[in-house]
Amino acid sequence: MNGVETVVNPSDEQEMLHMEAESMMNSRVSECYELANDFVANNQYIEAAAAVEELLMIEPSHREGLVLNVRIQELLGKHEGIQAAYFKMFENYPDRQVAYREFGQFLRLADRIPNQVENQLLNCLAIQPQDGFAHVLLADVYSRTKRVRQALLHLEIAVRYPLEDEGFHDLVVRLLQRFHEEGTDTSMVRLTLVSNVGNRGRSHFKRAMRAQQKGDRTRPALSRMIQRVWFKSRAAK
C-alpha cells in the first residue's frame, strides 16, 4: 500500500505458524476424544481404541484421554492392554490415587499374584490414607493370604471411612462372614462399622447382608450378630 512493502519479522512468522499448528492439534485432540466416546457408546471398542490412541499420540498427558483409554481397554478385555493403559496413567499422573486402587482391584479380580495387588493398593494409601475402598480391598488380600491381624486392621480402618457403594458394603459383609466362619473375633470392626455408617450406608449394608444370606443357612447368624450391635448402639444413644 502506497508503495510501502510490509516486512514480517521471521520470528513473528514462526510464532504464528506454531500457534496455528497448536490450534489444529488441539482441535484434532477434541475430535478424537469425542469420536472415541461415540464409538464406546455404539459398542465399537476397536475403533474407540484407535481414536484414543491417536489422541494420546498428539497429547500423551491428556487426563480424560488416559482415563478413557483404561475404560476402553477394560471393555476390550485384554489384560496386556489394560495393564499398559494403567501404566500410561501412572507415568503421567503418579499422584492419582484412584488409579492405583482401580488397578489393584483389576489385578485382584484377575487373580493375579497377591503381592502385585497389595503393592498397588499400598501405593493408593500412601497418597490417600483415608481411602476406605483401598483398605477393604487390602483386607481381602490379607485375609486370602492368611494374614488375619493385618486383614482385621485394614477392615476396621475401612469401616471408619464407609462409602455409599454397593461393592464396598458387599465386600465388608463377605469379609465379616469369612472371619465369622473361621471363629475370628470381629467385635471391634462391627462396633466401628455401626458408629460410622449413616442411614444410607446402613441401607447399603443391609442389602448386602440380604444378598449374602440367600442360599446360605450360616449367614443369618452373622446378621443377628450385627443387629444386636446396632440395637446396643441405638440404646446407648
C-alpha atoms as a PDB file:
ATOM      1  CA  MET A   1       0.000   0.000   0.000  1.00  0.00           C
ATOM      2  CA  ASN A   2       1.353   3.440  -1.092  1.00  0.00           C
ATOM      3  CA  GLY A   3       4.372   1.604  -2.444  1.00  0.00           C
ATOM      4  CA  VAL A   4       5.470   0.547   1.051  1.00  0.00           C
ATOM      5  CA  GLU A   5       6.174  -3.168   1.469  1.00  0.00           C
ATOM      6  CA  THR A   6       5.331  -4.699   4.839  1.00  0.00           C
ATOM      7  CA  VAL A   7       8.213  -6.685   6.244  1.00  0.00           C
ATOM      8  CA  VAL A   8       7.260  -9.608   8.504  1.00  0.00           C
ATOM      9  CA  ASN A   9       9.712 -10.445  11.226  1.00  0.00           C
ATOM     10  CA  PRO A  10      10.797 -14.103  10.724  1.00  0.00           C
ATOM     11  CA  SER A  11      10.407 -14.823  14.437  1.00  0.00           C
ATOM     12  CA  ASP A  12       6.839 -13.454  14.397  1.00  0.00           C
ATOM     13  CA  GLU A  13       6.008 -15.560  11.366  1.00  0.00           C
ATOM     14  CA  GLN A  14       7.401 -18.662  13.052  1.00  0.00           C
ATOM     15  CA  GLU A  15       5.355 -17.963  16.180  1.00  0.00           C
ATOM     16  CA  MET A  16       2.190 -17.537  14.104  1.00  0.00           C
ATOM     17  CA  LEU A  17       2.818 -20.850  12.346  1.00  0.00           C
ATOM     18  CA  HIS A  18       3.433 -22.525  15.696  1.00  0.00           C
ATOM     19  CA  MET A  19       0.179 -21.144  17.134  1.00  0.00           C
ATOM     20  CA  GLU A  20      -1.730 -22.275  14.052  1.00  0.00           C
ATOM     21  CA  ALA A  21      -0.272 -25.787  14.293  1.00  0.00           C
ATOM     22  CA  GLU A  22      -1.055 -25.941  18.017  1.00  0.00           C
ATOM     23  CA  SER A  23      -4.635 -24.854  17.378  1.00  0.00           C
ATOM     24  CA  MET A  24      -5.027 -27.575  14.748  1.00  0.00           C
ATOM     25  CA  MET A  25      -3.646 -30.206  17.149  1.00  0.00           C
ATOM     26  CA  ASN A  26      -5.974 -29.100  19.948  1.00  0.00           C
ATOM     27  CA  SER A  27      -8.885 -29.298  17.555  1.00  0.00           C
ATOM     28  CA  ARG A  28      -7.869 -32.803  16.482  1.00  0.00           C
ATOM     29  CA  VAL A  29      -7.482 -33.896  20.121  1.00  0.00           C
ATOM     30  CA  SER A  30     -11.055 -32.779  20.836  1.00  0.00           C
ATOM     31  CA  GLU A  31     -12.296 -34.555  17.714  1.00  0.00           C
ATOM     32  CA  CYS A  32     -10.543 -37.798  18.694  1.00  0.00           C
ATOM     33  CA  TYR A  33     -11.915 -37.645  22.241  1.00  0.00           C
ATOM     34  CA  GLU A  34     -15.487 -37.098  21.056  1.00  0.00           C
ATOM     35  CA  LEU A  35     -15.080 -39.767  18.396  1.00  0.00           C
ATOM     36  CA  ALA A  36     -13.758 -42.305  20.918  1.00  0.00           C
ATOM     37  CA  ASN A  37     -16.703 -41.631  23.237  1.00  0.00           C
ATOM     38  CA  ASP A  38     -19.144 -42.036  20.346  1.00  0.00           C
ATOM     39  CA  PHE A  39     -17.551 -45.358  19.395  1.00  0.00           C
ATOM     40  CA  VAL A  40     -17.813 -46.564  23.007  1.00  0.00           C
ATOM     41  CA  ALA A  41     -21.486 -45.572  23.110  1.00  0.00           C
ATOM     42  CA  ASN A  42     -22.030 -47.677  19.978  1.00  0.00           C
ATOM     43  CA  ASN A  43     -20.019 -50.644  21.346  1.00  0.00           C
ATOM     44  CA  GLN A  44     -17.331 -50.150  18.674  1.00  0.00           C
ATOM     45  CA  TYR A  45     -14.416 -50.688  21.022  1.00  0.00           C
ATOM     46  CA  ILE A  46     -11.678 -51.394  18.462  1.00  0.00           C
ATOM     47  CA  GLU A  47     -12.492 -48.144  16.659  1.00  0.00           C
ATOM     48  CA  ALA A  48     -12.630 -46.344  20.023  1.00  0.00           C
ATOM     49  CA  ALA A  49      -9.175 -47.685  20.906  1.00  0.00           C
ATOM     50  CA  ALA A  50      -7.770 -46.391  17.609  1.00  0.00           C
ATOM     51  CA  ALA A  51      -9.271 -42.933  18.188  1.00  0.00           C
ATOM     52  CA  VAL A  52      -7.927 -42.620  21.727  1.00  0.00           C
ATOM     53  CA  GLU A  53      -4.525 -43.923  20.586  1.00  0.00           C
ATOM     54  CA  GLU A  54      -4.321 -41.084  18.051  1.00  0.00           C
ATOM     55  CA  LEU A  55      -5.364 -38.627  20.767  1.00  0.00           C
ATOM     56  CA  LEU A  56      -2.585 -39.799  23.100  1.00  0.00           C
ATOM     57  CA  MET A  57      -0.006 -39.664  20.317  1.00  0.00           C
ATOM     58  CA  ILE A  58      -0.809 -35.967  19.932  1.00  0.00           C
ATOM     59  CA  GLU A  59      -1.169 -35.224  23.657  1.00  0.00           C
ATOM     60  CA  PRO A  60       0.274 -38.061  25.797  1.00  0.00           C
ATOM     61  CA  SER A  61      -0.719 -36.443  29.111  1.00  0.00           C
ATOM     62  CA  HIS A  62      -4.380 -35.780  28.220  1.00  0.00           C
ATOM     63  CA  ARG A  63      -6.041 -36.733  31.534  1.00  0.00           C
ATOM     64  CA  GLU A  64      -9.514 -37.540  30.204  1.00  0.00           C
ATOM     65  CA  GLY A  65      -7.985 -39.434  27.294  1.00  0.00           C
ATOM     66  CA  LEU A  66      -5.893 -41.574  29.645  1.00  0.00           C
ATOM     67  CA  VAL A  67      -8.944 -42.391  31.766  1.00  0.00           C
ATOM     68  CA  LEU A  68     -10.958 -43.222  28.655  1.00  0.00           C
ATOM     69  CA  ASN A  69      -8.112 -45.408  27.401  1.00  0.00           C
ATOM     70  CA  VAL A  70      -8.297 -47.501  30.587  1.00  0.00           C
ATOM     71  CA  ARG A  71     -12.054 -47.855  30.193  1.00  0.00           C
ATOM     72  CA  ILE A  72     -11.789 -48.899  26.533  1.00  0.00           C
ATOM     73  CA  GLN A  73      -9.094 -51.473  27.264  1.00  0.00           C
ATOM     74  CA  GLU A  74     -11.246 -52.915  30.051  1.00  0.00           C
ATOM     75  CA  LEU A  75     -14.168 -53.151  27.622  1.00  0.00           C
ATOM     76  CA  LEU A  76     -11.905 -54.951  25.139  1.00  0.00           C
ATOM     77  CA  GLY A  77     -10.957 -57.318  27.970  1.00  0.00           C
ATOM     78  CA  LYS A  78      -7.285 -57.710  27.073  1.00  0.00           C
ATOM     79  CA  HIS A  79      -5.091 -57.971  30.160  1.00  0.00           C
ATOM     80  CA  GLU A  80      -1.950 -56.603  28.479  1.00  0.00           C
ATOM     81  CA  GLY A  81      -3.835 -53.621  27.075  1.00  0.00           C
ATOM     82  CA  ILE A  82      -5.444 -52.827  30.428  1.00  0.00           C
ATOM     83  CA  GLN A  83      -2.118 -53.011  32.238  1.00  0.00           C
ATOM     84  CA  ALA A  84      -0.414 -50.794  29.644  1.00  0.00           C
ATOM     85  CA  ALA A  85      -3.251 -48.249  29.918  1.00  0.00           C
ATOM     86  CA  TYR A  86      -2.839 -48.038  33.696  1.00  0.00           C
ATOM     87  CA  PHE A  87       0.939 -47.677  33.365  1.00  0.00           C
ATOM     88  CA  LYS A  88       0.429 -44.739  30.988  1.00  0.00           C
ATOM     89  CA  MET A  89      -1.791 -43.156  33.628  1.00  0.00           C
ATOM     90  CA  PHE A  90       0.804 -43.671  36.376  1.00  0.00           C
ATOM     91  CA  GLU A  91       3.581 -42.306  34.167  1.00  0.00           C
ATOM     92  CA  ASN A  92       1.723 -39.047  33.592  1.00  0.00           C
ATOM     93  CA  TYR A  93      -0.159 -38.749  36.899  1.00  0.00           C
ATOM     94  CA  PRO A  94       1.783 -40.602  39.615  1.00  0.00           C
ATOM     95  CA  ASP A  95      -0.300 -38.907  42.327  1.00  0.00           C
ATOM     96  CA  ARG A  96      -3.679 -40.169  41.080  1.00  0.00           C
ATOM     97  CA  GLN A  97      -4.543 -42.494  43.956  1.00  0.00           C
ATOM     98  CA  VAL A  98      -7.823 -43.728  42.455  1.00  0.00           C
ATOM     99  CA  ALA A  99      -5.923 -45.201  39.502  1.00  0.00           C
ATOM    100  CA  TYR A 100      -3.738 -47.289  41.826  1.00  0.00           C
ATOM    101  CA  ARG A 101      -6.829 -48.523  43.668  1.00  0.00           C
ATOM    102  CA  GLU A 102      -8.661 -49.390  40.456  1.00  0.00           C
ATOM    103  CA  PHE A 103      -5.599 -51.168  39.079  1.00  0.00           C
ATOM    104  CA  GLY A 104      -5.298 -53.109  42.329  1.00  0.00           C
ATOM    105  CA  GLN A 105      -8.965 -54.065  42.032  1.00  0.00           C
ATOM    106  CA  PHE A 106      -8.427 -55.166  38.429  1.00  0.00           C
ATOM    107  CA  LEU A 107      -5.443 -57.332  39.413  1.00  0.00           C
ATOM    108  CA  ARG A 108      -7.434 -58.801  42.310  1.00  0.00           C
ATOM    109  CA  LEU A 109     -10.365 -59.756  40.089  1.00  0.00           C
ATOM    110  CA  ALA A 110      -7.946 -61.175  37.526  1.00  0.00           C
ATOM    111  CA  ASP A 111      -6.495 -63.455  40.244  1.00  0.00           C
ATOM    112  CA  ARG A 112      -3.024 -62.017  39.894  1.00  0.00           C
ATOM    113  CA  ILE A 113      -0.237 -62.583  42.429  1.00  0.00           C
ATOM    114  CA  PRO A 114      -1.391 -61.113  45.795  1.00  0.00           C
ATOM    115  CA  ASN A 115       1.837 -59.117  46.166  1.00  0.00           C
ATOM    116  CA  GLN A 116       1.065 -57.255  42.937  1.00  0.00           C
ATOM    117  CA  VAL A 117      -2.406 -56.352  44.201  1.00  0.00           C
ATOM    118  CA  GLU A 118      -1.035 -55.366  47.604  1.00  0.00           C
ATOM    119  CA  ASN A 119       1.608 -53.084  46.084  1.00  0.00           C
ATOM    120  CA  GLN A 120      -0.917 -51.107  44.036  1.00  0.00           C
ATOM    121  CA  LEU A 121      -3.284 -50.691  46.983  1.00  0.00           C
ATOM    122  CA  LEU A 122      -0.419 -49.547  49.211  1.00  0.00           C
ATOM    123  CA  ASN A 123       0.549 -47.022  46.519  1.00  0.00           C
ATOM    124  CA  CYS A 124      -3.006 -45.689  46.710  1.00  0.00           C
ATOM    125  CA  LEU A 125      -2.962 -45.458  50.501  1.00  0.00           C
ATOM    126  CA  ALA A 126       0.424 -43.724  50.500  1.00  0.00           C
ATOM    127  CA  ILE A 127      -1.301 -40.871  48.646  1.00  0.00           C
ATOM    128  CA  GLN A 128      -4.700 -41.036  50.380  1.00  0.00           C
ATOM    129  CA  PRO A 129      -4.603 -42.927  53.712  1.00  0.00           C
ATOM    130  CA  GLN A 130      -8.372 -42.499  54.182  1.00  0.00           C
ATOM    131  CA  ASP A 131      -9.417 -44.367  51.036  1.00  0.00           C
ATOM    132  CA  GLY A 132     -11.890 -46.801  52.591  1.00  0.00           C
ATOM    133  CA  PHE A 133     -12.260 -48.909  49.454  1.00  0.00           C
ATOM    134  CA  ALA A 134      -8.495 -49.445  49.192  1.00  0.00           C
ATOM    135  CA  HIS A 135      -8.436 -50.550  52.836  1.00  0.00           C
ATOM    136  CA  VAL A 136     -11.231 -53.090  52.380  1.00  0.00           C
ATOM    137  CA  LEU A 137      -9.591 -54.457  49.218  1.00  0.00           C
ATOM    138  CA  LEU A 138      -6.313 -54.772  51.108  1.00  0.00           C
ATOM    139  CA  ALA A 139      -8.146 -56.522  53.956  1.00  0.00           C
ATOM    140  CA  ASP A 140      -9.422 -59.048  51.414  1.00  0.00           C
ATOM    141  CA  VAL A 141      -5.884 -59.655  50.102  1.00  0.00           C
ATOM    142  CA  TYR A 142      -4.545 -60.204  53.627  1.00  0.00           C
ATOM    143  CA  SER A 143      -7.475 -62.451  54.540  1.00  0.00           C
ATOM    144  CA  ARG A 144      -6.915 -64.647  51.490  1.00  0.00           C
ATOM    145  CA  THR A 145      -3.211 -64.937  52.302  1.00  0.00           C
ATOM    146  CA  LYS A 146      -3.936 -65.820  55.969  1.00  0.00           C
ATOM    147  CA  ARG A 147      -2.549 -62.577  57.406  1.00  0.00           C
ATOM    148  CA  VAL A 148      -5.504 -62.263  59.752  1.00  0.00           C
ATOM    149  CA  ARG A 149      -4.258 -59.483  62.041  1.00  0.00           C
ATOM    150  CA  GLN A 150      -3.421 -57.235  59.091  1.00  0.00           C
ATOM    151  CA  ALA A 151      -6.748 -58.077  57.453  1.00  0.00           C
ATOM    152  CA  LEU A 152      -8.690 -57.117  60.591  1.00  0.00           C
ATOM    153  CA  LEU A 153      -6.690 -53.904  60.955  1.00  0.00           C
ATOM    154  CA  HIS A 154      -7.451 -52.737  57.417  1.00  0.00           C
ATOM    155  CA  LEU A 155     -11.084 -53.826  57.627  1.00  0.00           C
ATOM    156  CA  GLU A 156     -11.500 -51.803  60.823  1.00  0.00           C
ATOM    157  CA  ILE A 157      -9.887 -48.777  59.139  1.00  0.00           C
ATOM    158  CA  ALA A 158     -12.091 -49.271  56.060  1.00  0.00           C
ATOM    159  CA  VAL A 159     -15.329 -49.060  58.039  1.00  0.00           C
ATOM    160  CA  ARG A 160     -14.164 -45.800  59.621  1.00  0.00           C
ATOM    161  CA  TYR A 161     -14.468 -44.298  56.133  1.00  0.00           C
ATOM    162  CA  PRO A 162     -17.528 -46.064  54.679  1.00  0.00           C
ATOM    163  CA  LEU A 163     -18.643 -45.378  51.131  1.00  0.00           C
ATOM    164  CA  GLU A 164     -22.157 -45.268  49.726  1.00  0.00           C
ATOM    165  CA  ASP A 165     -21.143 -48.007  47.332  1.00  0.00           C
ATOM    166  CA  GLU A 166     -22.704 -51.450  46.952  1.00  0.00           C
ATOM    167  CA  GLY A 167     -19.357 -53.069  46.121  1.00  0.00           C
ATOM    168  CA  PHE A 168     -17.762 -51.680  49.278  1.00  0.00           C
ATOM    169  CA  HIS A 169     -20.514 -52.986  51.569  1.00  0.00           C
ATOM    170  CA  ASP A 170     -20.700 -56.320  49.766  1.00  0.00           C
ATOM    171  CA  LEU A 171     -17.005 -56.930  50.375  1.00  0.00           C
ATOM    172  CA  VAL A 172     -17.258 -55.828  54.028  1.00  0.00           C
ATOM    173  CA  VAL A 173     -20.071 -58.358  54.557  1.00  0.00           C
ATOM    174  CA  ARG A 174     -18.145 -61.137  52.827  1.00  0.00           C
ATOM    175  CA  LEU A 175     -15.079 -60.458  54.957  1.00  0.00           C
ATOM    176  CA  LEU A 176     -17.120 -60.409  58.167  1.00  0.00           C
ATOM    177  CA  GLN A 177     -18.723 -63.679  57.127  1.00  0.00           C
ATOM    178  CA  ARG A 178     -15.340 -65.232  56.355  1.00  0.00           C
ATOM    179  CA  PHE A 179     -13.963 -64.201  59.750  1.00  0.00           C
ATOM    180  CA  HIS A 180     -17.150 -65.416  61.462  1.00  0.00           C
ATOM    181  CA  GLU A 181     -16.798 -68.850  59.850  1.00  0.00           C
ATOM    182  CA  GLU A 182     -13.141 -69.010  60.924  1.00  0.00           C
ATOM    183  CA  GLY A 183     -14.046 -68.106  64.512  1.00  0.00           C
ATOM    184  CA  THR A 184     -12.203 -64.767  64.420  1.00  0.00           C
ATOM    185  CA  ASP A 185     -13.424 -62.036  66.768  1.00  0.00           C
ATOM    186  CA  THR A 186     -14.748 -59.085  64.738  1.00  0.00           C
ATOM    187  CA  SER A 187     -16.385 -57.149  67.587  1.00  0.00           C
ATOM    188  CA  MET A 188     -14.172 -54.061  67.119  1.00  0.00           C
ATOM    189  CA  VAL A 189     -14.870 -53.973  63.393  1.00  0.00           C
ATOM    190  CA  ARG A 190     -18.626 -54.259  63.953  1.00  0.00           C
ATOM    191  CA  LEU A 191     -18.655 -51.532  66.603  1.00  0.00           C
ATOM    192  CA  THR A 192     -16.666 -49.214  64.345  1.00  0.00           C
ATOM    193  CA  LEU A 193     -19.000 -50.007  61.457  1.00  0.00           C
ATOM    194  CA  VAL A 194     -22.219 -49.123  63.268  1.00  0.00           C
ATOM    195  CA  SER A 195     -20.621 -45.965  64.675  1.00  0.00           C
ATOM    196  CA  ASN A 196     -19.647 -44.625  61.261  1.00  0.00           C
ATOM    197  CA  VAL A 197     -22.260 -45.634  58.701  1.00  0.00           C
ATOM    198  CA  GLY A 198     -25.144 -43.237  58.205  1.00  0.00           C
ATOM    199  CA  ASN A 199     -28.700 -44.199  57.337  1.00  0.00           C
ATOM    200  CA  ARG A 200     -27.944 -44.576  53.625  1.00  0.00           C
ATOM    201  CA  GLY A 201     -24.816 -46.578  54.355  1.00  0.00           C
ATOM    202  CA  ARG A 202     -26.825 -48.790  56.691  1.00  0.00           C
ATOM    203  CA  SER A 203     -29.318 -49.442  53.896  1.00  0.00           C
ATOM    204  CA  HIS A 204     -26.479 -50.448  51.559  1.00  0.00           C
ATOM    205  CA  PHE A 205     -25.085 -52.733  54.237  1.00  0.00           C
ATOM    206  CA  LYS A 206     -28.444 -54.400  54.900  1.00  0.00           C
ATOM    207  CA  ARG A 207     -28.948 -55.032  51.183  1.00  0.00           C
ATOM    208  CA  ALA A 208     -25.505 -56.610  51.037  1.00  0.00           C
ATOM    209  CA  MET A 209     -26.391 -58.779  54.050  1.00  0.00           C
ATOM    210  CA  ARG A 210     -29.601 -59.983  52.402  1.00  0.00           C
ATOM    211  CA  ALA A 211     -27.774 -60.758  49.165  1.00  0.00           C
ATOM    212  CA  GLN A 212     -25.129 -62.757  51.020  1.00  0.00           C
ATOM    213  CA  GLN A 213     -27.711 -64.706  53.039  1.00  0.00           C
ATOM    214  CA  LYS A 214     -29.529 -66.151  50.040  1.00  0.00           C
ATOM    215  CA  GLY A 215     -28.946 -69.864  49.865  1.00  0.00           C
ATOM    216  CA  ASP A 216     -26.631 -69.963  52.903  1.00  0.00           C
ATOM    217  CA  ARG A 217     -28.046 -71.086  56.262  1.00  0.00           C
ATOM    218  CA  THR A 218     -24.993 -69.960  58.249  1.00  0.00           C
ATOM    219  CA  ARG A 219     -25.341 -66.310  57.320  1.00  0.00           C
ATOM    220  CA  PRO A 220     -28.413 -65.351  59.368  1.00  0.00           C
ATOM    221  CA  ALA A 221     -26.207 -65.876  62.448  1.00  0.00           C
ATOM    222  CA  LEU A 222     -23.953 -63.062  61.283  1.00  0.00           C
ATOM    223  CA  SER A 223     -26.998 -60.916  60.524  1.00  0.00           C
ATOM    224  CA  ARG A 224     -28.339 -61.387  64.064  1.00  0.00           C
ATOM    225  CA  MET A 225     -24.920 -60.567  65.482  1.00  0.00           C
ATOM    226  CA  ILE A 226     -24.762 -57.286  63.514  1.00  0.00           C
ATOM    227  CA  GLN A 227     -28.334 -56.405  64.503  1.00  0.00           C
ATOM    228  CA  ARG A 228     -27.504 -56.873  68.199  1.00  0.00           C
ATOM    229  CA  VAL A 229     -24.608 -54.438  67.864  1.00  0.00           C
ATOM    230  CA  TRP A 230     -26.851 -51.907  66.108  1.00  0.00           C
ATOM    231  CA  PHE A 231     -29.506 -52.295  68.808  1.00  0.00           C
ATOM    232  CA  LYS A 232     -26.945 -51.688  71.576  1.00  0.00           C
ATOM    233  CA  SER A 233     -25.586 -48.691  69.686  1.00  0.00           C
ATOM    234  CA  ARG A 234     -29.056 -47.133  69.408  1.00  0.00           C
ATOM    235  CA  ALA A 235     -29.807 -47.829  73.074  1.00  0.00           C
ATOM    236  CA  ALA A 236     -26.557 -46.138  74.112  1.00  0.00           C
ATOM    237  CA  LYS A 237     -27.564 -43.026  72.174  1.00  0.00           C
END
